[in-house]
């Protein structure tokens, strides 16, 4: 659906119609095309040829493949003592992962706590207060009638 024309549109059209007609110079198109060609030639001169980009990508892929093969070869060349150390470290890593998972479960199962530090008392001392914030509201007392 077309938007309704406003007074501003009508005023703008009338103002543009009041301007004198102007024609472009005879060489206008040639000048524009020359400027476009100059910009295009500058961008081509700055651009890296596609074959160079492909060559660099191929070198990077080869370097990555060689480094991967080198690392694999280093792993296989471990002595039995080094292999035992790696195995021990992997077991320790697994144990730490399990402990971290247990701590995360414990944190999710606990109720939130509010900790107020340094509350002043009438005697001029300060007290730390820990308030357990239950996740469900429980009444303080039941009325039994």
Foldseek 3Di string as FASTA:
>chain_A
DDDDDDPVVVVVVVVVVPDDDDDDDPCVVVVVVVVVVVVVVVVVVPDDDPVVVVVVVVVVVVVVVVVVVVVVVVVVPDDPVVVVVVVVVVVVVVVVVVVVVVVVVVVVPAFDKDWDWFCADPVGGGDIDIGGDDPDDDDPDDDDD
